PDB file of N, CA and C in Angstrom:
ATOM      1  N   MET A   1      20.187  21.976   0.553  1.00  0.00           N
ATOM      2  CA  MET A   1      19.251  21.175  -0.198  1.00  0.00           C
ATOM      3  C   MET A   1      18.719  20.054   0.692  1.00  0.00           C
ATOM      4  N   ALA A   2      17.432  19.830   0.649  1.00  0.00           N
ATOM      5  CA  ALA A   2      16.806  18.814   1.486  1.00  0.00           C
ATOM      6  C   ALA A   2      17.118  17.415   0.963  1.00  0.00           C
ATOM      7  N   ALA A   3      17.206  16.484   1.887  1.00  0.00           N
ATOM      8  CA  ALA A   3      17.434  15.089   1.504  1.00  0.00           C
ATOM      9  C   ALA A   3      16.224  14.575   0.739  1.00  0.00           C
ATOM     10  N   PRO A   4      16.441  13.679  -0.229  1.00  0.00           N
ATOM     11  CA  PRO A   4      15.305  13.150  -0.981  1.00  0.00           C
ATOM     12  C   PRO A   4      14.368  12.367  -0.077  1.00  0.00           C
ATOM     13  N   SER A   5      13.119  12.339  -0.469  1.00  0.00           N
ATOM     14  CA  SER A   5      12.101  11.596   0.269  1.00  0.00           C
ATOM     15  C   SER A   5      11.239  10.862  -0.746  1.00  0.00           C
ATOM     16  N   ILE A   6      11.057   9.571  -0.530  1.00  0.00           N
ATOM     17  CA  ILE A   6      10.224   8.766  -1.422  1.00  0.00           C
ATOM     18  C   ILE A   6       9.256   7.940  -0.593  1.00  0.00           C
ATOM     19  N   ARG A   7       8.295   7.370  -1.254  1.00  0.00           N
ATOM     20  CA  ARG A   7       7.345   6.472  -0.592  1.00  0.00           C
ATOM     21  C   ARG A   7       7.409   5.109  -1.254  1.00  0.00           C
ATOM     22  N   LEU A   8       7.536   4.090  -0.417  1.00  0.00           N
ATOM     23  CA  LEU A   8       7.600   2.716  -0.886  1.00  0.00           C
ATOM     24  C   LEU A   8       6.248   2.043  -0.675  1.00  0.00           C
ATOM     25  N   ASN A   9       5.711   1.430  -1.710  1.00  0.00           N
ATOM     26  CA  ASN A   9       4.506   0.614  -1.580  1.00  0.00           C
ATOM     27  C   ASN A   9       4.956  -0.795  -1.233  1.00  0.00           C
ATOM     28  N   LEU A  10       4.390  -1.342  -0.170  1.00  0.00           N
ATOM     29  CA  LEU A  10       4.801  -2.652   0.317  1.00  0.00           C
ATOM     30  C   LEU A  10       3.606  -3.571   0.501  1.00  0.00           C
ATOM     31  N   ARG A  11       3.807  -4.841   0.220  1.00  0.00           N
ATOM     32  CA  ARG A  11       2.837  -5.900   0.538  1.00  0.00           C
ATOM     33  C   ARG A  11       3.541  -6.770   1.566  1.00  0.00           C
ATOM     34  N   VAL A  12       3.071  -6.743   2.807  1.00  0.00           N
ATOM     35  CA  VAL A  12       3.752  -7.390   3.912  1.00  0.00           C
ATOM     36  C   VAL A  12       3.039  -8.681   4.296  1.00  0.00           C
ATOM     37  N   VAL A  13       3.825  -9.745   4.453  1.00  0.00           N
ATOM     38  CA  VAL A  13       3.309 -11.036   4.889  1.00  0.00           C
ATOM     39  C   VAL A  13       3.871 -11.299   6.284  1.00  0.00           C
ATOM     40  N   PRO A  14       3.050 -11.133   7.325  1.00  0.00           N
ATOM     41  CA  PRO A  14       3.532 -11.382   8.683  1.00  0.00           C
ATOM     42  C   PRO A  14       3.523 -12.878   9.007  1.00  0.00           C
ATOM     43  N   GLY A  15       4.243 -13.255  10.048  1.00  0.00           N
ATOM     44  CA  GLY A  15       4.255 -14.638  10.504  1.00  0.00           C
ATOM     45  C   GLY A  15       5.010 -15.576   9.577  1.00  0.00           C
ATOM     46  N   ALA A  16       5.910 -15.044   8.763  1.00  0.00           N
ATOM     47  CA  ALA A  16       6.687 -15.859   7.827  1.00  0.00           C
ATOM     48  C   ALA A  16       7.820 -16.570   8.562  1.00  0.00           C
ATOM     49  N   GLY A  17       8.467 -17.473   7.874  1.00  0.00           N
ATOM     50  CA  GLY A  17       9.577 -18.218   8.464  1.00  0.00           C
ATOM     51  C   GLY A  17      10.807 -17.361   8.725  1.00  0.00           C
ATOM     52  N   ARG A  18      10.967 -16.300   7.933  1.00  0.00           N
ATOM     53  CA  ARG A  18      12.119 -15.412   8.132  1.00  0.00           C
ATOM     54  C   ARG A  18      11.811 -14.034   7.560  1.00  0.00           C
ATOM     55  N   ASN A  19      12.625 -13.071   7.928  1.00  0.00           N
ATOM     56  CA  ASN A  19      12.481 -11.705   7.421  1.00  0.00           C
ATOM     57  C   ASN A  19      13.231 -11.596   6.107  1.00  0.00           C
ATOM     58  N   GLU A  20      12.533 -11.148   5.040  1.00  0.00           N
ATOM     59  CA  GLU A  20      13.201 -11.003   3.757  1.00  0.00           C
ATOM     60  C   GLU A  20      12.402 -10.129   2.805  1.00  0.00           C
ATOM     61  N   ILE A  21      13.132  -9.491   1.905  1.00  0.00           N
ATOM     62  CA  ILE A  21      12.528  -8.777   0.785  1.00  0.00           C
ATOM     63  C   ILE A  21      12.399  -9.815  -0.319  1.00  0.00           C
ATOM     64  N   VAL A  22      11.180 -10.128  -0.733  1.00  0.00           N
ATOM     65  CA  VAL A  22      10.965 -11.174  -1.726  1.00  0.00           C
ATOM     66  C   VAL A  22      11.213 -10.656  -3.129  1.00  0.00           C
ATOM     67  N   GLY A  23      10.748  -9.456  -3.419  1.00  0.00           N
ATOM     68  CA  GLY A  23      10.893  -8.869  -4.744  1.00  0.00           C
ATOM     69  C   GLY A  23       9.672  -8.039  -5.076  1.00  0.00           C
ATOM     70  N   ARG A  24       9.495  -7.766  -6.347  1.00  0.00           N
ATOM     71  CA  ARG A  24       8.367  -6.938  -6.782  1.00  0.00           C
ATOM     72  C   ARG A  24       7.071  -7.735  -6.722  1.00  0.00           C
ATOM     73  N   HIS A  25       5.985  -7.035  -6.390  1.00  0.00           N
ATOM     74  CA  HIS A  25       4.633  -7.596  -6.345  1.00  0.00           C
ATOM     75  C   HIS A  25       3.728  -6.533  -6.957  1.00  0.00           C
ATOM     76  N   GLY A  26       3.573  -6.566  -8.272  1.00  0.00           N
ATOM     77  CA  GLY A  26       2.855  -5.495  -8.953  1.00  0.00           C
ATOM     78  C   GLY A  26       3.646  -4.209  -8.834  1.00  0.00           C
ATOM     79  N   ASN A  27       3.011  -3.162  -8.324  1.00  0.00           N
ATOM     80  CA  ASN A  27       3.723  -1.891  -8.142  1.00  0.00           C
ATOM     81  C   ASN A  27       4.304  -1.753  -6.739  1.00  0.00           C
ATOM     82  N   ALA A  28       4.293  -2.827  -5.978  1.00  0.00           N
ATOM     83  CA  ALA A  28       4.787  -2.805  -4.597  1.00  0.00           C
ATOM     84  C   ALA A  28       5.953  -3.790  -4.447  1.00  0.00           C
ATOM     85  N   TRP A  29       6.586  -3.711  -3.297  1.00  0.00           N
ATOM     86  CA  TRP A  29       7.602  -4.685  -2.917  1.00  0.00           C
ATOM     87  C   TRP A  29       6.961  -5.681  -1.971  1.00  0.00           C
ATOM     88  N   LYS A  30       7.194  -6.961  -2.181  1.00  0.00           N
ATOM     89  CA  LYS A  30       6.675  -7.984  -1.276  1.00  0.00           C
ATOM     90  C   LYS A  30       7.738  -8.252  -0.217  1.00  0.00           C
ATOM     91  N   VAL A  31       7.294  -8.197   1.039  1.00  0.00           N
ATOM     92  CA  VAL A  31       8.202  -8.343   2.176  1.00  0.00           C
ATOM     93  C   VAL A  31       7.610  -9.359   3.143  1.00  0.00           C
ATOM     94  N   ARG A  32       8.439 -10.271   3.615  1.00  0.00           N
ATOM     95  CA  ARG A  32       8.008 -11.241   4.635  1.00  0.00           C
ATOM     96  C   ARG A  32       8.696 -10.894   5.949  1.00  0.00           C
ATOM     97  N   VAL A  33       7.909 -10.931   7.021  1.00  0.00           N
ATOM     98  CA  VAL A  33       8.479 -10.735   8.361  1.00  0.00           C
ATOM     99  C   VAL A  33       8.019 -11.864   9.258  1.00  0.00           C
ATOM    100  N   GLY A  34       8.886 -12.284  10.151  1.00  0.00           N
ATOM    101  CA  GLY A  34       8.584 -13.396  11.035  1.00  0.00           C
ATOM    102  C   GLY A  34       7.650 -13.042  12.175  1.00  0.00           C
ATOM    103  N   ALA A  35       7.568 -11.781  12.517  1.00  0.00           N
ATOM    104  CA  ALA A  35       6.744 -11.355  13.651  1.00  0.00           C
ATOM    105  C   ALA A  35       5.255 -11.462  13.323  1.00  0.00           C
ATOM    106  N   ALA A  36       4.494 -11.738  14.355  1.00  0.00           N
ATOM    107  CA  ALA A  36       3.037 -11.797  14.225  1.00  0.00           C
ATOM    108  C   ALA A  36       2.468 -10.376  14.166  1.00  0.00           C
ATOM    109  N   PRO A  37       1.315 -10.216  13.526  1.00  0.00           N
ATOM    110  CA  PRO A  37       0.702  -8.876  13.436  1.00  0.00           C
ATOM    111  C   PRO A  37      -0.060  -8.512  14.705  1.00  0.00           C
ATOM    112  N   GLU A  38       0.634  -8.539  15.815  1.00  0.00           N
ATOM    113  CA  GLU A  38       0.026  -8.233  17.111  1.00  0.00           C
ATOM    114  C   GLU A  38       0.799  -7.105  17.777  1.00  0.00           C
ATOM    115  N   ARG A  39       0.077  -6.110  18.265  1.00  0.00           N
ATOM    116  CA  ARG A  39       0.670  -4.995  19.016  1.00  0.00           C
ATOM    117  C   ARG A  39       1.825  -4.327  18.265  1.00  0.00           C
ATOM    118  N   GLY A  40       1.718  -4.255  16.942  1.00  0.00           N
ATOM    119  CA  GLY A  40       2.714  -3.556  16.148  1.00  0.00           C
ATOM    120  C   GLY A  40       4.016  -4.296  15.930  1.00  0.00           C
ATOM    121  N   ARG A  41       4.078  -5.555  16.323  1.00  0.00           N
ATOM    122  CA  ARG A  41       5.340  -6.308  16.197  1.00  0.00           C
ATOM    123  C   ARG A  41       5.766  -6.477  14.734  1.00  0.00           C
ATOM    124  N   ALA A  42       4.816  -6.782  13.853  1.00  0.00           N
ATOM    125  CA  ALA A  42       5.162  -6.948  12.440  1.00  0.00           C
ATOM    126  C   ALA A  42       5.639  -5.624  11.843  1.00  0.00           C
ATOM    127  N   ASN A  43       5.024  -4.518  12.237  1.00  0.00           N
ATOM    128  CA  ASN A  43       5.459  -3.206  11.746  1.00  0.00           C
ATOM    129  C   ASN A  43       6.882  -2.890  12.202  1.00  0.00           C
ATOM    130  N   THR A  44       7.182  -3.198  13.447  1.00  0.00           N
ATOM    131  CA  THR A  44       8.531  -2.973  13.973  1.00  0.00           C
ATOM    132  C   THR A  44       9.542  -3.828  13.225  1.00  0.00           C
ATOM    133  N   ALA A  45       9.204  -5.097  13.005  1.00  0.00           N
ATOM    134  CA  ALA A  45      10.104  -5.994  12.265  1.00  0.00           C
ATOM    135  C   ALA A  45      10.303  -5.497  10.838  1.00  0.00           C
ATOM    136  N   LEU A  46       9.242  -4.996  10.221  1.00  0.00           N
ATOM    137  CA  LEU A  46       9.328  -4.453   8.865  1.00  0.00           C
ATOM    138  C   LEU A  46      10.297  -3.280   8.814  1.00  0.00           C
ATOM    139  N   LEU A  47      10.144  -2.327   9.719  1.00  0.00           N
ATOM    140  CA  LEU A  47      11.007  -1.147   9.715  1.00  0.00           C
ATOM    141  C   LEU A  47      12.462  -1.519   9.983  1.00  0.00           C
ATOM    142  N   ARG A  48      12.696  -2.469  10.871  1.00  0.00           N
ATOM    143  CA  ARG A  48      14.074  -2.910  11.141  1.00  0.00           C
ATOM    144  C   ARG A  48      14.685  -3.574   9.911  1.00  0.00           C
ATOM    145  N   LEU A  49      13.905  -4.408   9.222  1.00  0.00           N
ATOM    146  CA  LEU A  49      14.390  -5.059   8.003  1.00  0.00           C
ATOM    147  C   LEU A  49      14.724  -4.023   6.930  1.00  0.00           C
ATOM    148  N   LEU A  50      13.811  -3.073   6.718  1.00  0.00           N
ATOM    149  CA  LEU A  50      14.060  -2.035   5.720  1.00  0.00           C
ATOM    150  C   LEU A  50      15.278  -1.199   6.084  1.00  0.00           C
ATOM    151  N   SER A  51      15.430  -0.878   7.340  1.00  0.00           N
ATOM    152  CA  SER A  51      16.582  -0.101   7.795  1.00  0.00           C
ATOM    153  C   SER A  51      17.880  -0.827   7.454  1.00  0.00           C
ATOM    154  N   ARG A  52      17.918  -2.111   7.745  1.00  0.00           N
ATOM    155  CA  ARG A  52      19.116  -2.905   7.475  1.00  0.00           C
ATOM    156  C   ARG A  52      19.378  -3.033   5.970  1.00  0.00           C
ATOM    157  N   GLU A  53      18.355  -3.379   5.207  1.00  0.00           N
ATOM    158  CA  GLU A  53      18.526  -3.612   3.769  1.00  0.00           C
ATOM    159  C   GLU A  53      18.848  -2.320   3.004  1.00  0.00           C
ATOM    160  N   LEU A  54      18.286  -1.217   3.443  1.00  0.00           N
ATOM    161  CA  LEU A  54      18.494   0.056   2.756  1.00  0.00           C
ATOM    162  C   LEU A  54      19.710   0.818   3.272  1.00  0.00           C
ATOM    163  N   GLY A  55      20.226   0.416   4.435  1.00  0.00           N
ATOM    164  CA  GLY A  55      21.381   1.096   5.003  1.00  0.00           C
ATOM    165  C   GLY A  55      21.056   2.477   5.539  1.00  0.00           C
ATOM    166  N   VAL A  56      19.858   2.626   6.101  1.00  0.00           N
ATOM    167  CA  VAL A  56      19.452   3.906   6.693  1.00  0.00           C
ATOM    168  C   VAL A  56      19.042   3.659   8.147  1.00  0.00           C
ATOM    169  N   SER A  57      18.998   4.723   8.920  1.00  0.00           N
ATOM    170  CA  SER A  57      18.588   4.579  10.319  1.00  0.00           C
ATOM    171  C   SER A  57      17.067   4.439  10.402  1.00  0.00           C
ATOM    172  N   LEU A  58      16.598   3.871  11.493  1.00  0.00           N
ATOM    173  CA  LEU A  58      15.158   3.715  11.703  1.00  0.00           C
ATOM    174  C   LEU A  58      14.430   5.046  11.666  1.00  0.00           C
ATOM    175  N   SER A  59      15.100   6.105  12.075  1.00  0.00           N
ATOM    176  CA  SER A  59      14.452   7.418  12.098  1.00  0.00           C
ATOM    177  C   SER A  59      14.163   7.951  10.700  1.00  0.00           C
ATOM    178  N   GLU A  60      14.752   7.357   9.676  1.00  0.00           N
ATOM    179  CA  GLU A  60      14.514   7.777   8.296  1.00  0.00           C
ATOM    180  C   GLU A  60      13.296   7.090   7.679  1.00  0.00           C
ATOM    181  N   LEU A  61      12.662   6.174   8.410  1.00  0.00           N
ATOM    182  CA  LEU A  61      11.529   5.396   7.906  1.00  0.00           C
ATOM    183  C   LEU A  61      10.279   5.676   8.725  1.00  0.00           C
ATOM    184  N   THR A  62       9.152   5.872   8.049  1.00  0.00           N
ATOM    185  CA  THR A  62       7.881   6.114   8.723  1.00  0.00           C
ATOM    186  C   THR A  62       6.766   5.414   7.962  1.00  0.00           C
ATOM    187  N   ILE A  63       5.963   4.626   8.664  1.00  0.00           N
ATOM    188  CA  ILE A  63       4.780   4.040   8.043  1.00  0.00           C
ATOM    189  C   ILE A  63       3.729   5.138   7.974  1.00  0.00           C
ATOM    190  N   VAL A  64       3.304   5.499   6.770  1.00  0.00           N
ATOM    191  CA  VAL A  64       2.338   6.580   6.613  1.00  0.00           C
ATOM    192  C   VAL A  64       0.935   6.065   6.289  1.00  0.00           C
ATOM    193  N   SER A  65       0.832   4.799   5.894  1.00  0.00           N
ATOM    194  CA  SER A  65      -0.473   4.235   5.564  1.00  0.00           C
ATOM    195  C   SER A  65      -0.417   2.725   5.732  1.00  0.00           C
ATOM    196  N   GLY A  66      -1.523   2.141   6.205  1.00  0.00           N
ATOM    197  CA  GLY A  66      -1.619   0.694   6.311  1.00  0.00           C
ATOM    198  C   GLY A  66      -1.097   0.103   7.600  1.00  0.00           C
ATOM    199  N   HIS A  67      -1.166   0.843   8.679  1.00  0.00           N
ATOM    200  CA  HIS A  67      -0.644   0.356   9.959  1.00  0.00           C
ATOM    201  C   HIS A  67      -1.203  -1.007  10.361  1.00  0.00           C
ATOM    202  N   THR A  68      -2.457  -1.279  10.045  1.00  0.00           N
ATOM    203  CA  THR A  68      -3.079  -2.532  10.469  1.00  0.00           C
ATOM    204  C   THR A  68      -3.369  -3.486   9.315  1.00  0.00           C
ATOM    205  N   GLY A  69      -2.917  -3.162   8.131  1.00  0.00           N
ATOM    206  CA  GLY A  69      -3.167  -4.019   6.975  1.00  0.00           C
ATOM    207  C   GLY A  69      -1.885  -4.554   6.380  1.00  0.00           C
ATOM    208  N   ARG A  70      -2.019  -5.388   5.367  1.00  0.00           N
ATOM    209  CA  ARG A  70      -0.853  -5.946   4.684  1.00  0.00           C
ATOM    210  C   ARG A  70      -0.251  -4.979   3.677  1.00  0.00           C
ATOM    211  N   ASP A  71      -1.076  -4.125   3.095  1.00  0.00           N
ATOM    212  CA  ASP A  71      -0.592  -3.144   2.133  1.00  0.00           C
ATOM    213  C   ASP A  71      -0.227  -1.872   2.883  1.00  0.00           C
ATOM    214  N   LYS A  72       1.049  -1.501   2.786  1.00  0.00           N
ATOM    215  CA  LYS A  72       1.555  -0.355   3.539  1.00  0.00           C
ATOM    216  C   LYS A  72       2.286   0.609   2.610  1.00  0.00           C
ATOM    217  N   ILE A  73       2.344   1.838   3.044  1.00  0.00           N
ATOM    218  CA  ILE A  73       3.184   2.842   2.394  1.00  0.00           C
ATOM    219  C   ILE A  73       4.152   3.347   3.458  1.00  0.00           C
ATOM    220  N   VAL A  74       5.437   3.256   3.137  1.00  0.00           N
ATOM    221  CA  VAL A  74       6.487   3.693   4.056  1.00  0.00           C
ATOM    222  C   VAL A  74       7.238   4.846   3.406  1.00  0.00           C
ATOM    223  N   GLU A  75       7.347   5.945   4.145  1.00  0.00           N
ATOM    224  CA  GLU A  75       8.137   7.075   3.670  1.00  0.00           C
ATOM    225  C   GLU A  75       9.592   6.837   4.046  1.00  0.00           C
ATOM    226  N   LEU A  76      10.464   7.072   3.084  1.00  0.00           N
ATOM    227  CA  LEU A  76      11.896   6.882   3.258  1.00  0.00           C
ATOM    228  C   LEU A  76      12.594   8.195   2.950  1.00  0.00           C
ATOM    229  N   ARG A  77      13.368   8.679   3.908  1.00  0.00           N
ATOM    230  CA  ARG A  77      14.130   9.906   3.710  1.00  0.00           C
ATOM    231  C   ARG A  77      15.615   9.556   3.553  1.00  0.00           C
ATOM    232  N   GLY A  78      16.283  10.265   2.662  1.00  0.00           N
ATOM    233  CA  GLY A  78      17.717  10.112   2.533  1.00  0.00           C
ATOM    234  C   GLY A  78      18.188   9.299   1.344  1.00  0.00           C
ATOM    235  N   LEU A  79      17.277   8.679   0.593  1.00  0.00           N
ATOM    236  CA  LEU A  79      17.655   7.917  -0.590  1.00  0.00           C
ATOM    237  C   LEU A  79      16.758   8.290  -1.757  1.00  0.00           C
ATOM    238  N   SER A  80      17.303   8.207  -2.939  1.00  0.00           N
ATOM    239  CA  SER A  80      16.480   8.399  -4.135  1.00  0.00           C
ATOM    240  C   SER A  80      15.735   7.105  -4.442  1.00  0.00           C
ATOM    241  N   ALA A  81      14.746   7.185  -5.301  1.00  0.00           N
ATOM    242  CA  ALA A  81      13.984   5.999  -5.693  1.00  0.00           C
ATOM    243  C   ALA A  81      14.897   4.973  -6.358  1.00  0.00           C
ATOM    244  N   ALA A  82      15.822   5.427  -7.187  1.00  0.00           N
ATOM    245  CA  ALA A  82      16.739   4.512  -7.871  1.00  0.00           C
ATOM    246  C   ALA A  82      17.657   3.800  -6.878  1.00  0.00           C
ATOM    247  N   ASP A  83      18.192   4.542  -5.892  1.00  0.00           N
ATOM    248  CA  ASP A  83      19.063   3.931  -4.887  1.00  0.00           C
ATOM    249  C   ASP A  83      18.295   2.915  -4.052  1.00  0.00           C
ATOM    250  N   ALA A  84      17.070   3.259  -3.657  1.00  0.00           N
ATOM    251  CA  ALA A  84      16.255   2.349  -2.861  1.00  0.00           C
ATOM    252  C   ALA A  84      15.954   1.069  -3.640  1.00  0.00           C
ATOM    253  N   ALA A  85      15.580   1.201  -4.906  1.00  0.00           N
ATOM    254  CA  ALA A  85      15.273   0.021  -5.730  1.00  0.00           C
ATOM    255  C   ALA A  85      16.506  -0.870  -5.869  1.00  0.00           C
ATOM    256  N   GLU A  86      17.651  -0.263  -6.076  1.00  0.00           N
ATOM    257  CA  GLU A  86      18.888  -1.042  -6.198  1.00  0.00           C
ATOM    258  C   GLU A  86      19.193  -1.812  -4.918  1.00  0.00           C
ATOM    259  N   ARG A  87      19.043  -1.161  -3.780  1.00  0.00           N
ATOM    260  CA  ARG A  87      19.340  -1.798  -2.493  1.00  0.00           C
ATOM    261  C   ARG A  87      18.311  -2.855  -2.125  1.00  0.00           C
ATOM    262  N   LEU A  88      17.083  -2.718  -2.629  1.00  0.00           N
ATOM    263  CA  LEU A  88      16.054  -3.720  -2.344  1.00  0.00           C
ATOM    264  C   LEU A  88      16.138  -4.912  -3.300  1.00  0.00           C
ATOM    265  N   GLY A  89      16.982  -4.786  -4.297  1.00  0.00           N
ATOM    266  CA  GLY A  89      17.195  -5.933  -5.168  1.00  0.00           C
ATOM    267  C   GLY A  89      16.562  -5.850  -6.529  1.00  0.00           C
ATOM    268  N   GLY A  90      16.288  -4.677  -6.987  1.00  0.00           N
ATOM    269  CA  GLY A  90      15.741  -4.670  -8.321  1.00  0.00           C
ATOM    270  C   GLY A  90      15.324  -3.387  -8.832  1.00  0.00           C
TER     271      GLY A  90
END
């Protein structure tokens, strides 16, 4: 049986004071990252934060939409939607 795969809608705020999952923002999760949105640094910081908070490896996360914008969709393999929501805090 294949591992579950879900997509997370995210609203990312780059250049924040610290990396954190803020909570729900409409139908998305609001996430702050300290890295600037230059040369993919904010995207890298986002994936590292999600990896740590969700307890999955970086290879299980892929940005599928919104590489250069604040609204992103990240594919997550290996967790159900319920498990991901619980680990993200809500």
